């Protein structure tokens, strides 16, 4: 019975090591490296996007604080801009394509 137990343990360990070795070998191939690189780039892009959203939220919050401070100290009501330099924005004029 003891020998059968150790035989089973050996088979399970062999299968586990074999799978691990196959996965490591697959990751060392060009396709595996490209997959890892693609995952890393996707993760980085998500982190950069998240950071940008947090920065924009902080900017909007600080802008609101500054508007409130100006109103409190001077009594002048400042226009509430929606986004960066929204009060300065003018409609964008685009060049028309020449008709042929």
PDB file of N, CA and C in Angstrom:
ATOM      1  N   UNK A   1       0.815  -1.179   0.000  1.00  0.00           N
ATOM      2  CA  UNK A   1       0.000   0.000   0.000  1.00  0.00           C
ATOM      3  C   UNK A   1       0.871   1.261   0.000  1.00  0.00           C
ATOM      4  N   UNK A   2       1.985   1.190   0.764  1.00  0.00           N
ATOM      5  CA  UNK A   2       2.885   2.315   0.848  1.00  0.00           C
ATOM      6  C   UNK A   2       3.499   2.626  -0.523  1.00  0.00           C
ATOM      7  N   UNK A   3       3.831   1.593  -1.243  1.00  0.00           N
ATOM      8  CA  UNK A   3       4.446   1.778  -2.568  1.00  0.00           C
ATOM      9  C   UNK A   3       3.445   2.399  -3.549  1.00  0.00           C
ATOM     10  N   UNK A   4       2.207   1.993  -3.472  1.00  0.00           N
ATOM     11  CA  UNK A   4       1.174   2.541  -4.348  1.00  0.00           C
ATOM     12  C   UNK A   4       0.979   4.034  -4.064  1.00  0.00           C
ATOM     13  N   UNK A   5       1.001   4.414  -2.793  1.00  0.00           N
ATOM     14  CA  UNK A   5       0.885   5.829  -2.409  1.00  0.00           C
ATOM     15  C   UNK A   5       2.023   6.644  -3.027  1.00  0.00           C
ATOM     16  N   UNK A   6       3.258   6.180  -2.883  1.00  0.00           N
ATOM     17  CA  UNK A   6       4.401   6.914  -3.408  1.00  0.00           C
ATOM     18  C   UNK A   6       4.424   6.926  -4.932  1.00  0.00           C
ATOM     19  N   UNK A   7       3.891   5.873  -5.536  1.00  0.00           N
ATOM     20  CA  UNK A   7       3.760   5.864  -6.986  1.00  0.00           C
ATOM     21  C   UNK A   7       2.794   6.962  -7.417  1.00  0.00           C
ATOM     22  N   UNK A   8       1.681   7.087  -6.722  1.00  0.00           N
ATOM     23  CA  UNK A   8       0.701   8.146  -7.029  1.00  0.00           C
ATOM     24  C   UNK A   8       1.281   9.534  -6.831  1.00  0.00           C
ATOM     25  N   UNK A   9       2.024   9.715  -5.740  1.00  0.00           N
ATOM     26  CA  UNK A   9       2.663  11.009  -5.492  1.00  0.00           C
ATOM     27  C   UNK A   9       3.648  11.326  -6.608  1.00  0.00           C
ATOM     28  N   UNK A  10       4.401  10.339  -7.046  1.00  0.00           N
ATOM     29  CA  UNK A  10       5.364  10.537  -8.129  1.00  0.00           C
ATOM     30  C   UNK A  10       4.685  10.904  -9.438  1.00  0.00           C
ATOM     31  N   UNK A  11       3.571  10.244  -9.740  1.00  0.00           N
ATOM     32  CA  UNK A  11       2.835  10.544 -10.983  1.00  0.00           C
ATOM     33  C   UNK A  11       2.293  11.964 -10.936  1.00  0.00           C
ATOM     34  N   UNK A  12       1.690  12.347  -9.813  1.00  0.00           N
ATOM     35  CA  UNK A  12       1.136  13.701  -9.681  1.00  0.00           C
ATOM     36  C   UNK A  12       2.250  14.746  -9.792  1.00  0.00           C
ATOM     37  N   UNK A  13       3.368  14.513  -9.120  1.00  0.00           N
ATOM     38  CA  UNK A  13       4.494  15.445  -9.197  1.00  0.00           C
ATOM     39  C   UNK A  13       5.037  15.521 -10.621  1.00  0.00           C
ATOM     40  N   UNK A  14       5.110  14.407 -11.309  1.00  0.00           N
ATOM     41  CA  UNK A  14       5.593  14.393 -12.697  1.00  0.00           C
ATOM     42  C   UNK A  14       4.684  15.174 -13.620  1.00  0.00           C
ATOM     43  N   UNK A  15       3.385  14.989 -13.460  1.00  0.00           N
ATOM     44  CA  UNK A  15       2.425  15.720 -14.303  1.00  0.00           C
ATOM     45  C   UNK A  15       2.520  17.214 -14.017  1.00  0.00           C
ATOM     46  N   UNK A  16       2.586  17.590 -12.743  1.00  0.00           N
ATOM     47  CA  UNK A  16       2.659  19.009 -12.382  1.00  0.00           C
ATOM     48  C   UNK A  16       3.936  19.644 -12.934  1.00  0.00           C
ATOM     49  N   UNK A  17       5.058  18.971 -12.772  1.00  0.00           N
ATOM     50  CA  UNK A  17       6.318  19.511 -13.288  1.00  0.00           C
ATOM     51  C   UNK A  17       6.324  19.573 -14.815  1.00  0.00           C
ATOM     52  N   UNK A  18       5.733  18.571 -15.436  1.00  0.00           N
ATOM     53  CA  UNK A  18       5.656  18.559 -16.894  1.00  0.00           C
ATOM     54  C   UNK A  18       4.833  19.742 -17.409  1.00  0.00           C
ATOM     55  N   UNK A  19       3.711  20.009 -16.779  1.00  0.00           N
ATOM     56  CA  UNK A  19       2.875  21.148 -17.187  1.00  0.00           C
ATOM     57  C   UNK A  19       3.603  22.467 -16.956  1.00  0.00           C
ATOM     58  N   UNK A  20       4.267  22.588 -15.840  1.00  0.00           N
ATOM     59  CA  UNK A  20       5.001  23.811 -15.524  1.00  0.00           C
ATOM     60  C   UNK A  20       6.121  24.039 -16.541  1.00  0.00           C
ATOM     61  N   UNK A  21       6.830  22.962 -16.898  1.00  0.00           N
ATOM     62  CA  UNK A  21       7.913  23.071 -17.879  1.00  0.00           C
ATOM     63  C   UNK A  21       7.363  23.451 -19.251  1.00  0.00           C
ATOM     64  N   UNK A  22       6.236  22.873 -19.630  1.00  0.00           N
ATOM     65  CA  UNK A  22       5.628  23.197 -20.931  1.00  0.00           C
ATOM     66  C   UNK A  22       5.184  24.664 -20.963  1.00  0.00           C
ATOM     67  N   UNK A  23       4.615  25.165 -19.881  1.00  0.00           N
ATOM     68  CA  UNK A  23       4.178  26.560 -19.818  1.00  0.00           C
ATOM     69  C   UNK A  23       5.377  27.502 -19.889  1.00  0.00           C
ATOM     70  N   UNK A  24       6.444  27.165 -19.191  1.00  0.00           N
ATOM     71  CA  UNK A  24       7.658  27.983 -19.227  1.00  0.00           C
ATOM     72  C   UNK A  24       8.253  27.983 -20.633  1.00  0.00           C
ATOM     73  N   UNK A  25       8.255  26.848 -21.287  1.00  0.00           N
ATOM     74  CA  UNK A  25       8.772  26.765 -22.652  1.00  0.00           C
ATOM     75  C   UNK A  25       7.906  27.577 -23.610  1.00  0.00           C
ATOM     76  N   UNK A  26       6.600  27.556 -23.413  1.00  0.00           N
ATOM     77  CA  UNK A  26       5.694  28.332 -24.275  1.00  0.00           C
ATOM     78  C   UNK A  26       5.932  29.824 -24.091  1.00  0.00           C
ATOM     79  N   UNK A  27       6.184  30.254 -22.866  1.00  0.00           N
ATOM     80  CA  UNK A  27       6.419  31.676 -22.618  1.00  0.00           C
ATOM     81  C   UNK A  27       7.744  32.139 -23.215  1.00  0.00           C
ATOM     82  N   UNK A  28       8.670  31.228 -23.436  1.00  0.00           N
ATOM     83  CA  UNK A  28       9.964  31.591 -24.002  1.00  0.00           C
ATOM     84  C   UNK A  28       9.914  31.700 -25.526  1.00  0.00           C
ATOM     85  N   UNK A  29       8.828  31.271 -26.151  1.00  0.00           N
ATOM     86  CA  UNK A  29       8.699  31.376 -27.600  1.00  0.00           C
ATOM     87  C   UNK A  29       8.355  32.813 -27.970  1.00  0.00           C
ATOM     88  N   UNK A  30       8.545  33.209 -29.218  1.00  0.00           N
ATOM     89  CA  UNK A  30       8.188  34.568 -29.633  1.00  0.00           C
ATOM     90  C   UNK A  30       6.709  34.895 -29.389  1.00  0.00           C
ATOM     91  N   UNK A  31       5.831  33.930 -29.625  1.00  0.00           N
ATOM     92  CA  UNK A  31       4.403  34.169 -29.391  1.00  0.00           C
ATOM     93  C   UNK A  31       4.124  34.399 -27.903  1.00  0.00           C
ATOM     94  N   UNK A  32       4.779  33.637 -27.058  1.00  0.00           N
ATOM     95  CA  UNK A  32       4.605  33.805 -25.619  1.00  0.00           C
ATOM     96  C   UNK A  32       5.128  35.141 -25.128  1.00  0.00           C
ATOM     97  N   UNK A  33       6.292  35.542 -25.656  1.00  0.00           N
ATOM     98  CA  UNK A  33       6.852  36.843 -25.285  1.00  0.00           C
ATOM     99  C   UNK A  33       5.955  37.980 -25.757  1.00  0.00           C
ATOM    100  N   UNK A  34       5.415  37.853 -26.958  1.00  0.00           N
ATOM    101  CA  UNK A  34       4.508  38.878 -27.481  1.00  0.00           C
ATOM    102  C   UNK A  34       3.249  38.967 -26.626  1.00  0.00           C
ATOM    103  N   UNK A  35       2.759  37.835 -26.189  1.00  0.00           N
ATOM    104  CA  UNK A  35       1.575  37.826 -25.324  1.00  0.00           C
ATOM    105  C   UNK A  35       1.863  38.528 -24.005  1.00  0.00           C
ATOM    106  N   UNK A  36       3.017  38.221 -23.411  1.00  0.00           N
ATOM    107  CA  UNK A  36       3.394  38.876 -22.151  1.00  0.00           C
ATOM    108  C   UNK A  36       3.565  40.378 -22.336  1.00  0.00           C
ATOM    109  N   UNK A  37       4.192  40.770 -23.439  1.00  0.00           N
ATOM    110  CA  UNK A  37       4.404  42.177 -23.715  1.00  0.00           C
ATOM    111  C   UNK A  37       3.069  42.886 -23.942  1.00  0.00           C
ATOM    112  N   UNK A  38       2.173  42.239 -24.681  1.00  0.00           N
ATOM    113  CA  UNK A  38       0.852  42.822 -24.919  1.00  0.00           C
ATOM    114  C   UNK A  38       0.090  43.033 -23.625  1.00  0.00           C
ATOM    115  N   UNK A  39       0.160  42.054 -22.734  1.00  0.00           N
ATOM    116  CA  UNK A  39      -0.507  42.192 -21.436  1.00  0.00           C
ATOM    117  C   UNK A  39       0.088  43.340 -20.631  1.00  0.00           C
ATOM    118  N   UNK A  40       1.397  43.461 -20.659  1.00  0.00           N
ATOM    119  CA  UNK A  40       2.062  44.532 -19.917  1.00  0.00           C
ATOM    120  C   UNK A  40       1.683  45.901 -20.465  1.00  0.00           C
ATOM    121  N   UNK A  41       1.608  46.015 -21.784  1.00  0.00           N
ATOM    122  CA  UNK A  41       1.245  47.295 -22.403  1.00  0.00           C
ATOM    123  C   UNK A  41      -0.204  47.649 -22.067  1.00  0.00           C
ATOM    124  N   UNK A  42      -1.097  46.658 -22.105  1.00  0.00           N
ATOM    125  CA  UNK A  42      -2.494  46.913 -21.752  1.00  0.00           C
ATOM    126  C   UNK A  42      -2.617  47.384 -20.307  1.00  0.00           C
ATOM    127  N   UNK A  43      -1.870  46.748 -19.423  1.00  0.00           N
ATOM    128  CA  UNK A  43      -1.895  47.132 -18.007  1.00  0.00           C
ATOM    129  C   UNK A  43      -1.357  48.551 -17.825  1.00  0.00           C
ATOM    130  N   UNK A  44      -0.282  48.872 -18.524  1.00  0.00           N
ATOM    131  CA  UNK A  44       0.301  50.208 -18.444  1.00  0.00           C
ATOM    132  C   UNK A  44      -0.680  51.257 -18.979  1.00  0.00           C
ATOM    133  N   UNK A  45      -1.328  50.962 -20.094  1.00  0.00           N
ATOM    134  CA  UNK A  45      -2.292  51.906 -20.670  1.00  0.00           C
ATOM    135  C   UNK A  45      -3.446  52.149 -19.701  1.00  0.00           C
ATOM    136  N   UNK A  46      -3.910  51.101 -19.064  1.00  0.00           N
ATOM    137  CA  UNK A  46      -4.987  51.268 -18.080  1.00  0.00           C
ATOM    138  C   UNK A  46      -4.548  52.119 -16.906  1.00  0.00           C
ATOM    139  N   UNK A  47      -3.310  51.915 -16.446  1.00  0.00           N
ATOM    140  CA  UNK A  47      -2.800  52.702 -15.319  1.00  0.00           C
ATOM    141  C   UNK A  47      -2.637  54.165 -15.704  1.00  0.00           C
ATOM    142  N   UNK A  48      -2.155  54.422 -16.912  1.00  0.00           N
ATOM    143  CA  UNK A  48      -1.981  55.802 -17.367  1.00  0.00           C
ATOM    144  C   UNK A  48      -3.344  56.485 -17.500  1.00  0.00           C
ATOM    145  N   UNK A  49      -4.319  55.779 -18.045  1.00  0.00           N
ATOM    146  CA  UNK A  49      -5.662  56.339 -18.168  1.00  0.00           C
ATOM    147  C   UNK A  49      -6.271  56.648 -16.812  1.00  0.00           C
ATOM    148  N   UNK A  50      -6.085  55.754 -15.875  1.00  0.00           N
ATOM    149  CA  UNK A  50      -6.598  55.959 -14.524  1.00  0.00           C
ATOM    150  C   UNK A  50      -5.920  57.159 -13.871  1.00  0.00           C
ATOM    151  N   UNK A  51      -4.603  57.271 -14.041  1.00  0.00           N
ATOM    152  CA  UNK A  51      -3.873  58.397 -13.488  1.00  0.00           C
ATOM    153  C   UNK A  51      -4.380  59.706 -14.087  1.00  0.00           C
ATOM    154  N   UNK A  52      -4.593  59.730 -15.393  1.00  0.00           N
ATOM    155  CA  UNK A  52      -5.098  60.929 -16.054  1.00  0.00           C
ATOM    156  C   UNK A  52      -6.471  61.330 -15.531  1.00  0.00           C
ATOM    157  N   UNK A  53      -7.332  60.349 -15.313  1.00  0.00           N
ATOM    158  CA  UNK A  53      -8.664  60.641 -14.787  1.00  0.00           C
ATOM    159  C   UNK A  53      -8.577  61.219 -13.380  1.00  0.00           C
ATOM    160  N   UNK A  54      -7.681  60.681 -12.571  1.00  0.00           N
ATOM    161  CA  UNK A  54      -7.516  61.203 -11.209  1.00  0.00           C
ATOM    162  C   UNK A  54      -6.963  62.624 -11.230  1.00  0.00           C
ATOM    163  N   UNK A  55      -6.028  62.902 -12.143  1.00  0.00           N
ATOM    164  CA  UNK A  55      -5.469  64.250 -12.254  1.00  0.00           C
ATOM    165  C   UNK A  55      -6.556  65.227 -12.688  1.00  0.00           C
ATOM    166  N   UNK A  56      -7.367  64.855 -13.684  1.00  0.00           N
ATOM    167  CA  UNK A  56      -8.448  65.730 -14.138  1.00  0.00           C
ATOM    168  C   UNK A  56      -9.452  65.999 -13.024  1.00  0.00           C
ATOM    169  N   UNK A  57      -9.781  64.962 -12.254  1.00  0.00           N
ATOM    170  CA  UNK A  57     -10.722  65.143 -11.145  1.00  0.00           C
ATOM    171  C   UNK A  57     -10.136  66.093 -10.108  1.00  0.00           C
ATOM    172  N   UNK A  58      -8.850  65.958  -9.816  1.00  0.00           N
ATOM    173  CA  UNK A  58      -8.193  66.865  -8.875  1.00  0.00           C
ATOM    174  C   UNK A  58      -8.151  68.294  -9.387  1.00  0.00           C
ATOM    175  N   UNK A  59      -7.909  68.443 -10.683  1.00  0.00           N
ATOM    176  CA  UNK A  59      -7.886  69.780 -11.271  1.00  0.00           C
ATOM    177  C   UNK A  59      -9.254  70.438 -11.170  1.00  0.00           C
ATOM    178  N   UNK A  60     -10.298  69.682 -11.484  1.00  0.00           N
ATOM    179  CA  UNK A  60     -11.652  70.234 -11.405  1.00  0.00           C
ATOM    180  C   UNK A  60     -12.006  70.595  -9.970  1.00  0.00           C
ATOM    181  N   UNK A  61     -11.605  69.765  -9.029  1.00  0.00           N
ATOM    182  CA  UNK A  61     -11.872  70.042  -7.623  1.00  0.00           C
ATOM    183  C   UNK A  61     -11.154  71.314  -7.182  1.00  0.00           C
ATOM    184  N   UNK A  62      -9.886  71.455  -7.555  1.00  0.00           N
ATOM    185  CA  UNK A  62      -9.114  72.647  -7.183  1.00  0.00           C
ATOM    186  C   UNK A  62      -9.685  73.885  -7.851  1.00  0.00           C
ATOM    187  N   UNK A  63     -10.120  73.763  -9.097  1.00  0.00           N
ATOM    188  CA  UNK A  63     -10.712  74.900  -9.789  1.00  0.00           C
ATOM    189  C   UNK A  63     -11.977  75.364  -9.071  1.00  0.00           C
ATOM    190  N   UNK A  64     -12.784  74.423  -8.612  1.00  0.00           N
ATOM    191  CA  UNK A  64     -13.990  74.768  -7.869  1.00  0.00           C
ATOM    192  C   UNK A  64     -13.621  75.469  -6.552  1.00  0.00           C
ATOM    193  N   UNK A  65     -12.587  74.980  -5.867  1.00  0.00           N
ATOM    194  CA  UNK A  65     -12.136  75.625  -4.635  1.00  0.00           C
ATOM    195  C   UNK A  65     -11.698  77.066  -4.900  1.00  0.00           C
ATOM    196  N   UNK A  66     -10.984  77.274  -6.008  1.00  0.00           N
ATOM    197  CA  UNK A  66     -10.522  78.618  -6.339  1.00  0.00           C
ATOM    198  C   UNK A  66     -11.687  79.543  -6.674  1.00  0.00           C
ATOM    199  N   UNK A  67     -12.673  79.050  -7.401  1.00  0.00           N
ATOM    200  CA  UNK A  67     -13.861  79.848  -7.705  1.00  0.00           C
ATOM    201  C   UNK A  67     -14.571  80.248  -6.414  1.00  0.00           C
ATOM    202  N   UNK A  68     -14.727  79.306  -5.513  1.00  0.00           N
ATOM    203  CA  UNK A  68     -15.382  79.590  -4.235  1.00  0.00           C
ATOM    204  C   UNK A  68     -14.589  80.623  -3.437  1.00  0.00           C
ATOM    205  N   UNK A  69     -13.258  80.503  -3.447  1.00  0.00           N
ATOM    206  CA  UNK A  69     -12.411  81.427  -2.709  1.00  0.00           C
ATOM    207  C   UNK A  69     -12.530  82.839  -3.279  1.00  0.00           C
ATOM    208  N   UNK A  70     -12.554  82.971  -4.598  1.00  0.00           N
ATOM    209  CA  UNK A  70     -12.689  84.284  -5.234  1.00  0.00           C
ATOM    210  C   UNK A  70     -14.036  84.892  -4.885  1.00  0.00           C
ATOM    211  N   UNK A  71     -15.095  84.117  -4.949  1.00  0.00           N
ATOM    212  CA  UNK A  71     -16.416  84.621  -4.606  1.00  0.00           C
ATOM    213  C   UNK A  71     -16.470  85.068  -3.152  1.00  0.00           C
ATOM    214  N   UNK A  72     -15.876  84.279  -2.268  1.00  0.00           N
ATOM    215  CA  UNK A  72     -15.902  84.596  -0.839  1.00  0.00           C
ATOM    216  C   UNK A  72     -15.127  85.878  -0.532  1.00  0.00           C
ATOM    217  N   UNK A  73     -13.958  86.041  -1.137  1.00  0.00           N
ATOM    218  CA  UNK A  73     -13.104  87.187  -0.810  1.00  0.00           C
ATOM    219  C   UNK A  73     -13.507  88.466  -1.526  1.00  0.00           C
ATOM    220  N   UNK A  74     -13.988  88.362  -2.769  1.00  0.00           N
ATOM    221  CA  UNK A  74     -14.276  89.569  -3.542  1.00  0.00           C
ATOM    222  C   UNK A  74     -15.756  89.817  -3.740  1.00  0.00           C
ATOM    223  N   UNK A  75     -16.543  88.784  -3.650  1.00  0.00           N
ATOM    224  CA  UNK A  75     -17.968  88.935  -3.911  1.00  0.00           C
ATOM    225  C   UNK A  75     -18.297  88.876  -5.393  1.00  0.00           C
ATOM    226  N   UNK A  76     -17.284  88.720  -6.217  1.00  0.00           N
ATOM    227  CA  UNK A  76     -17.489  88.637  -7.661  1.00  0.00           C
ATOM    228  C   UNK A  76     -17.784  87.194  -8.027  1.00  0.00           C
ATOM    229  N   UNK A  77     -18.880  87.017  -8.748  1.00  0.00           N
ATOM    230  CA  UNK A  77     -19.230  85.669  -9.167  1.00  0.00           C
ATOM    231  C   UNK A  77     -18.475  85.358 -10.450  1.00  0.00           C
ATOM    232  N   UNK A  78     -17.682  84.316 -10.411  1.00  0.00           N
ATOM    233  CA  UNK A  78     -16.904  83.924 -11.588  1.00  0.00           C
ATOM    234  C   UNK A  78     -17.695  82.905 -12.385  1.00  0.00           C
ATOM    235  N   UNK A  79     -17.547  82.930 -13.688  1.00  0.00           N
ATOM    236  CA  UNK A  79     -18.266  81.929 -14.487  1.00  0.00           C
ATOM    237  C   UNK A  79     -17.727  80.528 -14.214  1.00  0.00           C
ATOM    238  N   UNK A  80     -18.620  79.595 -14.085  1.00  0.00           N
ATOM    239  CA  UNK A  80     -18.212  78.210 -13.834  1.00  0.00           C
ATOM    240  C   UNK A  80     -17.909  77.548 -15.167  1.00  0.00           C
ATOM    241  N   UNK A  81     -16.671  77.304 -15.417  1.00  0.00           N
ATOM    242  CA  UNK A  81     -16.254  76.663 -16.663  1.00  0.00           C
ATOM    243  C   UNK A  81     -16.401  75.163 -16.524  1.00  0.00           C
ATOM    244  N   UNK A  82     -16.807  74.527 -17.580  1.00  0.00           N
ATOM    245  CA  UNK A  82     -16.874  73.066 -17.567  1.00  0.00           C
ATOM    246  C   UNK A  82     -15.677  72.547 -18.325  1.00  0.00           C
ATOM    247  N   UNK A  83     -14.633  72.256 -17.614  1.00  0.00           N
ATOM    248  CA  UNK A  83     -13.418  71.763 -18.243  1.00  0.00           C
ATOM    249  C   UNK A  83     -12.384  72.863 -18.356  1.00  0.00           C
ATOM    250  N   UNK A  84     -11.260  72.493 -18.843  1.00  0.00           N
ATOM    251  CA  UNK A  84     -10.115  73.392 -18.900  1.00  0.00           C
ATOM    252  C   UNK A  84     -10.319  74.473 -19.948  1.00  0.00           C
ATOM    253  N   UNK A  85     -10.223  75.703 -19.540  1.00  0.00           N
ATOM    254  CA  UNK A  85     -10.316  76.867 -20.419  1.00  0.00           C
ATOM    255  C   UNK A  85     -11.612  76.887 -21.214  1.00  0.00           C
ATOM    256  N   UNK A  86     -12.684  76.429 -20.626  1.00  0.00           N
ATOM    257  CA  UNK A  86     -13.948  76.349 -21.358  1.00  0.00           C
ATOM    258  C   UNK A  86     -14.467  77.736 -21.718  1.00  0.00           C
ATOM    259  N   UNK A  87     -14.201  78.749 -20.880  1.00  0.00           N
ATOM    260  CA  UNK A  87     -14.674  80.096 -21.172  1.00  0.00           C
ATOM    261  C   UNK A  87     -13.952  80.679 -22.385  1.00  0.00           C
ATOM    262  N   UNK A  88     -12.742  80.249 -22.630  1.00  0.00           N
ATOM    263  CA  UNK A  88     -11.953  80.776 -23.735  1.00  0.00           C
ATOM    264  C   UNK A  88     -12.209  80.052 -25.047  1.00  0.00           C
ATOM    265  N   UNK A  89     -12.965  79.028 -25.005  1.00  0.00           N
ATOM    266  CA  UNK A  89     -13.136  78.224 -26.219  1.00  0.00           C
ATOM    267  C   UNK A  89     -14.053  78.904 -27.209  1.00  0.00           C
ATOM    268  N   UNK A  90     -13.643  78.853 -28.432  1.00  0.00           N
ATOM    269  CA  UNK A  90     -14.447  79.348 -29.539  1.00  0.00           C
ATOM    270  C   UNK A  90     -14.697  78.170 -30.467  1.00  0.00           C
ATOM    271  N   UNK A  91     -15.727  78.252 -31.263  1.00  0.00           N
ATOM    272  CA  UNK A  91     -15.949  77.140 -32.199  1.00  0.00           C
ATOM    273  C   UNK A  91     -14.743  76.967 -33.114  1.00  0.00           C
ATOM    274  N   UNK A  92     -14.382  75.754 -33.338  1.00  0.00           N
ATOM    275  CA  UNK A  92     -13.238  75.455 -34.189  1.00  0.00           C
ATOM    276  C   UNK A  92     -13.672  75.577 -35.646  1.00  0.00           C
ATOM    277  N   UNK A  93     -12.918  76.361 -36.411  1.00  0.00           N
ATOM    278  CA  UNK A  93     -13.226  76.496 -37.826  1.00  0.00           C
ATOM    279  C   UNK A  93     -12.330  75.544 -38.592  1.00  0.00           C
ATOM    280  N   UNK A  94     -12.923  74.754 -39.397  1.00  0.00           N
ATOM    281  CA  UNK A  94     -12.171  73.790 -40.172  1.00  0.00           C
ATOM    282  C   UNK A  94     -12.153  74.216 -41.642  1.00  0.00           C
ATOM    283  N   UNK A  95     -11.050  73.950 -42.269  1.00  0.00           N
ATOM    284  CA  UNK A  95     -10.922  74.272 -43.685  1.00  0.00           C
ATOM    285  C   UNK A  95     -11.803  73.342 -44.491  1.00  0.00           C
ATOM    286  N   UNK A  96     -12.421  73.891 -45.501  1.00  0.00           N
ATOM    287  CA  UNK A  96     -13.257  73.071 -46.386  1.00  0.00           C
ATOM    288  C   UNK A  96     -12.412  72.509 -47.505  1.00  0.00           C
ATOM    289  N   UNK A  97     -12.770  71.337 -47.921  1.00  0.00           N
ATOM    290  CA  UNK A  97     -12.058  70.734 -49.041  1.00  0.00           C
ATOM    291  C   UNK A  97     -12.548  71.377 -50.338  1.00  0.00           C
ATOM    292  N   UNK A  98     -11.620  71.573 -51.196  1.00  0.00           N
ATOM    293  CA  UNK A  98     -11.972  72.147 -52.507  1.00  0.00           C
ATOM    294  C   UNK A  98     -12.737  71.099 -53.306  1.00  0.00           C
ATOM    295  N   UNK A  99     -13.826  71.545 -53.919  1.00  0.00           N
ATOM    296  CA  UNK A  99     -14.600  70.608 -54.730  1.00  0.00           C
ATOM    297  C   UNK A  99     -13.934  70.478 -56.092  1.00  0.00           C
ATOM    298  N   UNK A 100     -13.947  69.280 -56.601  1.00  0.00           N
ATOM    299  CA  UNK A 100     -13.276  69.019 -57.880  1.00  0.00           C
ATOM    300  C   UNK A 100     -14.258  68.999 -58.998  1.00  0.00           C
TER     301      UNK A 100
END
